[in-house]
Amino acid sequence: MAVSATQLRKDLFQTLDRALQGETIDVSYKGETILLKPKSGARLSKLVRRDTLMVNPDVIVESDRSLLGELEHKWVAQTL
């Protein structure tokens, strides 16, 4: 979205909300263009939480073989 500095001043909060939603705003001021966009960290808030297993499978095998079989069954069922 491209806006002038005057338009930015007029609609400052609405424009900032659009930037927070991930839209890059091009602000024209004195013949130059200034980009207004959220830091990359803001995109992390839009990620969808996924249930994952963050462990080495060998640890599960050593502790409980039936648990590994159950997990593998669930993984296969999710991929089908």
PDB file of N, CA and C in Angstrom:
ATOM      1  N   MET A   1       0.846  -1.164   0.000  1.00  0.00           N
ATOM      2  CA  MET A   1       0.000   0.000   0.000  1.00  0.00           C
ATOM      3  C   MET A   1       0.893   1.228   0.000  1.00  0.00           C
ATOM      4  N   ALA A   2       0.610   2.181  -0.836  1.00  0.00           N
ATOM      5  CA  ALA A   2       1.378   3.418  -0.918  1.00  0.00           C
ATOM      6  C   ALA A   2       0.518   4.574  -0.420  1.00  0.00           C
ATOM      7  N   VAL A   3       1.070   5.382   0.482  1.00  0.00           N
ATOM      8  CA  VAL A   3       0.369   6.546   1.007  1.00  0.00           C
ATOM      9  C   VAL A   3       1.326   7.724   1.065  1.00  0.00           C
ATOM     10  N   SER A   4       0.767   8.926   1.063  1.00  0.00           N
ATOM     11  CA  SER A   4       1.575  10.127   1.267  1.00  0.00           C
ATOM     12  C   SER A   4       1.712  10.356   2.772  1.00  0.00           C
ATOM     13  N   ALA A   5       2.628  11.226   3.157  1.00  0.00           N
ATOM     14  CA  ALA A   5       2.800  11.541   4.577  1.00  0.00           C
ATOM     15  C   ALA A   5       1.535  12.188   5.134  1.00  0.00           C
ATOM     16  N   THR A   6       0.875  12.993   4.318  1.00  0.00           N
ATOM     17  CA  THR A   6      -0.373  13.630   4.747  1.00  0.00           C
ATOM     18  C   THR A   6      -1.446  12.582   5.010  1.00  0.00           C
ATOM     19  N   GLN A   7      -1.566  11.612   4.107  1.00  0.00           N
ATOM     20  CA  GLN A   7      -2.553  10.549   4.286  1.00  0.00           C
ATOM     21  C   GLN A   7      -2.198   9.687   5.496  1.00  0.00           C
ATOM     22  N   LEU A   8      -0.927   9.450   5.714  1.00  0.00           N
ATOM     23  CA  LEU A   8      -0.496   8.684   6.886  1.00  0.00           C
ATOM     24  C   LEU A   8      -0.901   9.408   8.160  1.00  0.00           C
ATOM     25  N   ARG A   9      -0.665  10.709   8.198  1.00  0.00           N
ATOM     26  CA  ARG A   9      -1.032  11.492   9.377  1.00  0.00           C
ATOM     27  C   ARG A   9      -2.546  11.439   9.613  1.00  0.00           C
ATOM     28  N   LYS A  10      -3.305  11.510   8.532  1.00  0.00           N
ATOM     29  CA  LYS A  10      -4.763  11.495   8.636  1.00  0.00           C
ATOM     30  C   LYS A  10      -5.286  10.152   9.151  1.00  0.00           C
ATOM     31  N   ASP A  11      -4.718   9.069   8.658  1.00  0.00           N
ATOM     32  CA  ASP A  11      -5.182   7.721   9.007  1.00  0.00           C
ATOM     33  C   ASP A  11      -4.100   6.932   9.738  1.00  0.00           C
ATOM     34  N   LEU A  12      -3.407   7.583  10.656  1.00  0.00           N
ATOM     35  CA  LEU A  12      -2.242   6.968  11.296  1.00  0.00           C
ATOM     36  C   LEU A  12      -2.558   5.613  11.922  1.00  0.00           C
ATOM     37  N   PHE A  13      -3.558   5.550  12.756  1.00  0.00           N
ATOM     38  CA  PHE A  13      -3.804   4.309  13.494  1.00  0.00           C
ATOM     39  C   PHE A  13      -4.341   3.192  12.601  1.00  0.00           C
ATOM     40  N   GLN A  14      -5.151   3.533  11.622  1.00  0.00           N
ATOM     41  CA  GLN A  14      -5.635   2.518  10.692  1.00  0.00           C
ATOM     42  C   GLN A  14      -4.469   1.971   9.857  1.00  0.00           C
ATOM     43  N   THR A  15      -3.567   2.867   9.458  1.00  0.00           N
ATOM     44  CA  THR A  15      -2.401   2.439   8.675  1.00  0.00           C
ATOM     45  C   THR A  15      -1.474   1.564   9.515  1.00  0.00           C
ATOM     46  N   LEU A  16      -1.281   1.939  10.766  1.00  0.00           N
ATOM     47  CA  LEU A  16      -0.449   1.123  11.659  1.00  0.00           C
ATOM     48  C   LEU A  16      -1.070  -0.258  11.873  1.00  0.00           C
ATOM     49  N   ASP A  17      -2.381  -0.307  11.984  1.00  0.00           N
ATOM     50  CA  ASP A  17      -3.053  -1.607  12.124  1.00  0.00           C
ATOM     51  C   ASP A  17      -2.820  -2.477  10.889  1.00  0.00           C
ATOM     52  N   ARG A  18      -2.856  -1.879   9.724  1.00  0.00           N
ATOM     53  CA  ARG A  18      -2.613  -2.640   8.491  1.00  0.00           C
ATOM     54  C   ARG A  18      -1.173  -3.156   8.468  1.00  0.00           C
ATOM     55  N   ALA A  19      -0.245  -2.328   8.931  1.00  0.00           N
ATOM     56  CA  ALA A  19       1.159  -2.759   8.984  1.00  0.00           C
ATOM     57  C   ALA A  19       1.321  -3.917   9.964  1.00  0.00           C
ATOM     58  N   LEU A  20       0.621  -3.852  11.082  1.00  0.00           N
ATOM     59  CA  LEU A  20       0.694  -4.944  12.054  1.00  0.00           C
ATOM     60  C   LEU A  20       0.129  -6.242  11.507  1.00  0.00           C
ATOM     61  N   GLN A  21      -0.783  -6.149  10.556  1.00  0.00           N
ATOM     62  CA  GLN A  21      -1.349  -7.336   9.926  1.00  0.00           C
ATOM     63  C   GLN A  21      -0.399  -7.930   8.895  1.00  0.00           C
ATOM     64  N   GLY A  22       0.756  -7.279   8.686  1.00  0.00           N
ATOM     65  CA  GLY A  22       1.762  -7.828   7.778  1.00  0.00           C
ATOM     66  C   GLY A  22       1.878  -7.097   6.459  1.00  0.00           C
ATOM     67  N   GLU A  23       1.065  -6.091   6.239  1.00  0.00           N
ATOM     68  CA  GLU A  23       1.112  -5.339   4.988  1.00  0.00           C
ATOM     69  C   GLU A  23       2.257  -4.324   5.045  1.00  0.00           C
ATOM     70  N   THR A  24       3.022  -4.225   3.976  1.00  0.00           N
ATOM     71  CA  THR A  24       4.086  -3.238   3.894  1.00  0.00           C
ATOM     72  C   THR A  24       3.496  -1.929   3.393  1.00  0.00           C
ATOM     73  N   ILE A  25       3.785  -0.845   4.101  1.00  0.00           N
ATOM     74  CA  ILE A  25       3.258   0.470   3.760  1.00  0.00           C
ATOM     75  C   ILE A  25       4.398   1.314   3.193  1.00  0.00           C
ATOM     76  N   ASP A  26       4.221   1.855   2.001  1.00  0.00           N
ATOM     77  CA  ASP A  26       5.181   2.763   1.384  1.00  0.00           C
ATOM     78  C   ASP A  26       4.709   4.188   1.636  1.00  0.00           C
ATOM     79  N   VAL A  27       5.475   4.941   2.408  1.00  0.00           N
ATOM     80  CA  VAL A  27       5.109   6.318   2.727  1.00  0.00           C
ATOM     81  C   VAL A  27       5.981   7.246   1.885  1.00  0.00           C
ATOM     82  N   SER A  28       5.351   8.100   1.090  1.00  0.00           N
ATOM     83  CA  SER A  28       6.075   9.078   0.274  1.00  0.00           C
ATOM     84  C   SER A  28       6.232  10.361   1.079  1.00  0.00           C
ATOM     85  N   TYR A  29       7.496  10.812   1.215  1.00  0.00           N
ATOM     86  CA  TYR A  29       7.770  12.021   1.980  1.00  0.00           C
ATOM     87  C   TYR A  29       8.983  12.732   1.393  1.00  0.00           C
ATOM     88  N   LYS A  30       8.795  13.956   0.946  1.00  0.00           N
ATOM     89  CA  LYS A  30       9.862  14.779   0.368  1.00  0.00           C
ATOM     90  C   LYS A  30      10.604  14.058  -0.752  1.00  0.00           C
ATOM     91  N   GLY A  31       9.854  13.399  -1.608  1.00  0.00           N
ATOM     92  CA  GLY A  31      10.449  12.734  -2.757  1.00  0.00           C
ATOM     93  C   GLY A  31      11.103  11.393  -2.458  1.00  0.00           C
ATOM     94  N   GLU A  32      11.046  10.942  -1.246  1.00  0.00           N
ATOM     95  CA  GLU A  32      11.629   9.654  -0.853  1.00  0.00           C
ATOM     96  C   GLU A  32      10.517   8.715  -0.411  1.00  0.00           C
ATOM     97  N   THR A  33      10.817   7.439  -0.420  1.00  0.00           N
ATOM     98  CA  THR A  33       9.862   6.439   0.032  1.00  0.00           C
ATOM     99  C   THR A  33      10.388   5.790   1.305  1.00  0.00           C
ATOM    100  N   ILE A  34       9.544   5.741   2.291  1.00  0.00           N
ATOM    101  CA  ILE A  34       9.881   5.119   3.576  1.00  0.00           C
ATOM    102  C   ILE A  34       8.995   3.897   3.732  1.00  0.00           C
ATOM    103  N   LEU A  35       9.615   2.756   4.021  1.00  0.00           N
ATOM    104  CA  LEU A  35       8.852   1.516   4.213  1.00  0.00           C
ATOM    105  C   LEU A  35       8.463   1.374   5.676  1.00  0.00           C
ATOM    106  N   LEU A  36       7.220   1.069   5.882  1.00  0.00           N
ATOM    107  CA  LEU A  36       6.702   0.852   7.219  1.00  0.00           C
ATOM    108  C   LEU A  36       6.194  -0.579   7.269  1.00  0.00           C
ATOM    109  N   LYS A  37       6.843  -1.399   8.090  1.00  0.00           N
ATOM    110  CA  LYS A  37       6.430  -2.795   8.207  1.00  0.00           C
ATOM    111  C   LYS A  37       6.811  -3.302   9.586  1.00  0.00           C
ATOM    112  N   PRO A  38       6.120  -4.323  10.080  1.00  0.00           N
ATOM    113  CA  PRO A  38       6.442  -4.853  11.411  1.00  0.00           C
ATOM    114  C   PRO A  38       7.766  -5.609  11.384  1.00  0.00           C
ATOM    115  N   LYS A  39       8.399  -5.702  12.537  1.00  0.00           N
ATOM    116  CA  LYS A  39       9.596  -6.529  12.642  1.00  0.00           C
ATOM    117  C   LYS A  39       9.226  -7.963  12.313  1.00  0.00           C
ATOM    118  N   SER A  40      10.202  -8.730  11.897  1.00  0.00           N
ATOM    119  CA  SER A  40       9.912 -10.109  11.498  1.00  0.00           C
ATOM    120  C   SER A  40       9.301 -10.919  12.637  1.00  0.00           C
ATOM    121  N   GLY A  41       9.574 -10.547  13.864  1.00  0.00           N
ATOM    122  CA  GLY A  41       9.014 -11.267  15.003  1.00  0.00           C
ATOM    123  C   GLY A  41       7.502 -11.182  15.072  1.00  0.00           C
ATOM    124  N   ALA A  42       6.924 -10.144  14.486  1.00  0.00           N
ATOM    125  CA  ALA A  42       5.473  -9.993  14.523  1.00  0.00           C
ATOM    126  C   ALA A  42       4.784 -11.116  13.756  1.00  0.00           C
ATOM    127  N   ARG A  43       5.442 -11.658  12.771  1.00  0.00           N
ATOM    128  CA  ARG A  43       4.841 -12.745  12.005  1.00  0.00           C
ATOM    129  C   ARG A  43       4.700 -14.011  12.843  1.00  0.00           C
ATOM    130  N   LEU A  44       5.536 -14.147  13.858  1.00  0.00           N
ATOM    131  CA  LEU A  44       5.465 -15.343  14.693  1.00  0.00           C
ATOM    132  C   LEU A  44       4.136 -15.436  15.425  1.00  0.00           C
ATOM    133  N   SER A  45       3.532 -14.301  15.726  1.00  0.00           N
ATOM    134  CA  SER A  45       2.261 -14.339  16.437  1.00  0.00           C
ATOM    135  C   SER A  45       1.142 -14.928  15.574  1.00  0.00           C
ATOM    136  N   LYS A  46       1.342 -14.995  14.251  1.00  0.00           N
ATOM    137  CA  LYS A  46       0.332 -15.529  13.349  1.00  0.00           C
ATOM    138  C   LYS A  46       0.478 -17.034  13.126  1.00  0.00           C
ATOM    139  N   LEU A  47       1.545 -17.612  13.645  1.00  0.00           N
ATOM    140  CA  LEU A  47       1.768 -19.037  13.427  1.00  0.00           C
ATOM    141  C   LEU A  47       0.727 -19.873  14.161  1.00  0.00           C
ATOM    142  N   VAL A  48       0.414 -20.996  13.587  1.00  0.00           N
ATOM    143  CA  VAL A  48      -0.541 -21.923  14.192  1.00  0.00           C
ATOM    144  C   VAL A  48       0.250 -22.948  15.003  1.00  0.00           C
ATOM    145  N   ARG A  49      -0.153 -23.147  16.235  1.00  0.00           N
ATOM    146  CA  ARG A  49       0.533 -24.103  17.097  1.00  0.00           C
ATOM    147  C   ARG A  49       0.292 -25.522  16.586  1.00  0.00           C
ATOM    148  N   ARG A  50       1.353 -26.288  16.488  1.00  0.00           N
ATOM    149  CA  ARG A  50       1.281 -27.683  16.052  1.00  0.00           C
ATOM    150  C   ARG A  50       1.837 -28.565  17.165  1.00  0.00           C
ATOM    151  N   ASP A  51       1.168 -29.674  17.402  1.00  0.00           N
ATOM    152  CA  ASP A  51       1.669 -30.627  18.386  1.00  0.00           C
ATOM    153  C   ASP A  51       2.784 -31.437  17.733  1.00  0.00           C
ATOM    154  N   THR A  52       3.958 -31.349  18.288  1.00  0.00           N
ATOM    155  CA  THR A  52       5.105 -32.087  17.760  1.00  0.00           C
ATOM    156  C   THR A  52       5.851 -32.757  18.892  1.00  0.00           C
ATOM    157  N   LEU A  53       6.643 -33.706  18.524  1.00  0.00           N
ATOM    158  CA  LEU A  53       7.473 -34.414  19.488  1.00  0.00           C
ATOM    159  C   LEU A  53       8.908 -33.972  19.277  1.00  0.00           C
ATOM    160  N   MET A  54       9.474 -33.282  20.245  1.00  0.00           N
ATOM    161  CA  MET A  54      10.833 -32.778  20.131  1.00  0.00           C
ATOM    162  C   MET A  54      11.772 -33.624  20.991  1.00  0.00           C
ATOM    163  N   VAL A  55      11.911 -34.878  20.593  1.00  0.00           N
ATOM    164  CA  VAL A  55      12.777 -35.780  21.341  1.00  0.00           C
ATOM    165  C   VAL A  55      13.347 -36.805  20.363  1.00  0.00           C
ATOM    166  N   ASN A  56      14.486 -37.283  20.656  1.00  0.00           N
ATOM    167  CA  ASN A  56      15.109 -38.329  19.855  1.00  0.00           C
ATOM    168  C   ASN A  56      14.291 -39.616  20.037  1.00  0.00           C
ATOM    169  N   PRO A  57      13.826 -40.255  18.964  1.00  0.00           N
ATOM    170  CA  PRO A  57      13.018 -41.480  19.099  1.00  0.00           C
ATOM    171  C   PRO A  57      13.752 -42.609  19.815  1.00  0.00           C
ATOM    172  N   ASP A  58      15.065 -42.603  19.782  1.00  0.00           N
ATOM    173  CA  ASP A  58      15.814 -43.642  20.491  1.00  0.00           C
ATOM    174  C   ASP A  58      15.556 -43.584  21.993  1.00  0.00           C
ATOM    175  N   VAL A  59      15.303 -42.402  22.516  1.00  0.00           N
ATOM    176  CA  VAL A  59      15.018 -42.256  23.941  1.00  0.00           C
ATOM    177  C   VAL A  59      13.705 -42.959  24.272  1.00  0.00           C
ATOM    178  N   ILE A  60      12.723 -42.858  23.394  1.00  0.00           N
ATOM    179  CA  ILE A  60      11.431 -43.507  23.628  1.00  0.00           C
ATOM    180  C   ILE A  60      11.580 -45.019  23.570  1.00  0.00           C
ATOM    181  N   VAL A  61      12.347 -45.506  22.598  1.00  0.00           N
ATOM    182  CA  VAL A  61      12.543 -46.953  22.454  1.00  0.00           C
ATOM    183  C   VAL A  61      13.173 -47.516  23.714  1.00  0.00           C
ATOM    184  N   GLU A  62      14.141 -46.797  24.255  1.00  0.00           N
ATOM    185  CA  GLU A  62      14.806 -47.288  25.455  1.00  0.00           C
ATOM    186  C   GLU A  62      13.869 -47.277  26.654  1.00  0.00           C
ATOM    187  N   SER A  63      12.935 -46.328  26.701  1.00  0.00           N
ATOM    188  CA  SER A  63      12.080 -46.218  27.874  1.00  0.00           C
ATOM    189  C   SER A  63      10.806 -47.071  27.764  1.00  0.00           C
ATOM    190  N   ASP A  64      10.192 -47.103  26.579  1.00  0.00           N
ATOM    191  CA  ASP A  64       8.933 -47.834  26.451  1.00  0.00           C
ATOM    192  C   ASP A  64       8.660 -48.130  24.982  1.00  0.00           C
ATOM    193  N   ARG A  65       8.847 -49.359  24.565  1.00  0.00           N
ATOM    194  CA  ARG A  65       8.653 -49.736  23.160  1.00  0.00           C
ATOM    195  C   ARG A  65       7.191 -49.623  22.733  1.00  0.00           C
ATOM    196  N   SER A  66       6.253 -49.878  23.623  1.00  0.00           N
ATOM    197  CA  SER A  66       4.837 -49.781  23.262  1.00  0.00           C
ATOM    198  C   SER A  66       4.449 -48.322  22.976  1.00  0.00           C
ATOM    199  N   LEU A  67       5.081 -47.405  23.670  1.00  0.00           N
ATOM    200  CA  LEU A  67       4.815 -45.989  23.427  1.00  0.00           C
ATOM    201  C   LEU A  67       5.274 -45.589  22.026  1.00  0.00           C
ATOM    202  N   LEU A  68       6.421 -46.071  21.601  1.00  0.00           N
ATOM    203  CA  LEU A  68       6.921 -45.773  20.257  1.00  0.00           C
ATOM    204  C   LEU A  68       5.965 -46.318  19.198  1.00  0.00           C
ATOM    205  N   GLY A  69       5.466 -47.537  19.398  1.00  0.00           N
ATOM    206  CA  GLY A  69       4.516 -48.108  18.454  1.00  0.00           C
ATOM    207  C   GLY A  69       3.239 -47.290  18.368  1.00  0.00           C
ATOM    208  N   GLU A  70       2.770 -46.820  19.499  1.00  0.00           N
ATOM    209  CA  GLU A  70       1.566 -45.992  19.522  1.00  0.00           C
ATOM    210  C   GLU A  70       1.801 -44.668  18.796  1.00  0.00           C
ATOM    211  N   LEU A  71       2.951 -44.061  19.017  1.00  0.00           N
ATOM    212  CA  LEU A  71       3.269 -42.804  18.342  1.00  0.00           C
ATOM    213  C   LEU A  71       3.387 -42.997  16.836  1.00  0.00           C
ATOM    214  N   GLU A  72       4.041 -44.066  16.414  1.00  0.00           N
ATOM    215  CA  GLU A  72       4.179 -44.327  14.984  1.00  0.00           C
ATOM    216  C   GLU A  72       2.813 -44.540  14.339  1.00  0.00           C
ATOM    217  N   HIS A  73       1.916 -45.223  15.043  1.00  0.00           N
ATOM    218  CA  HIS A  73       0.558 -45.438  14.534  1.00  0.00           C
ATOM    219  C   HIS A  73      -0.160 -44.096  14.338  1.00  0.00           C
ATOM    220  N   LYS A  74      -0.030 -43.182  15.286  1.00  0.00           N
ATOM    221  CA  LYS A  74      -0.658 -41.865  15.181  1.00  0.00           C
ATOM    222  C   LYS A  74      -0.045 -41.058  14.030  1.00  0.00           C
ATOM    223  N   TRP A  75       1.286 -41.144  13.851  1.00  0.00           N
ATOM    224  CA  TRP A  75       1.950 -40.409  12.778  1.00  0.00           C
ATOM    225  C   TRP A  75       1.443 -40.890  11.420  1.00  0.00           C
ATOM    226  N   VAL A  76       1.329 -42.205  11.265  1.00  0.00           N
ATOM    227  CA  VAL A  76       0.858 -42.754  10.003  1.00  0.00           C
ATOM    228  C   VAL A  76      -0.582 -42.347   9.747  1.00  0.00           C
ATOM    229  N   ALA A  77      -1.408 -42.379  10.784  1.00  0.00           N
ATOM    230  CA  ALA A  77      -2.815 -42.005  10.637  1.00  0.00           C
ATOM    231  C   ALA A  77      -2.960 -40.536  10.241  1.00  0.00           C
ATOM    232  N   GLN A  78      -2.092 -39.668  10.732  1.00  0.00           N
ATOM    233  CA  GLN A  78      -2.171 -38.247  10.387  1.00  0.00           C
ATOM    234  C   GLN A  78      -1.721 -37.959   8.966  1.00  0.00           C
ATOM    235  N   THR A  79      -0.834 -38.776   8.423  1.00  0.00           N
ATOM    236  CA  THR A  79      -0.324 -38.520   7.092  1.00  0.00           C
ATOM    237  C   THR A  79      -1.248 -39.064   6.004  1.00  0.00           C
ATOM    238  N   LEU A  80      -2.187 -39.904   6.365  1.00  0.00           N
ATOM    239  CA  LEU A  80      -3.116 -40.478   5.372  1.00  0.00           C
ATOM    240  C   LEU A  80      -4.268 -39.576   5.087  1.00  0.00           C
TER     241      LEU A  80
END
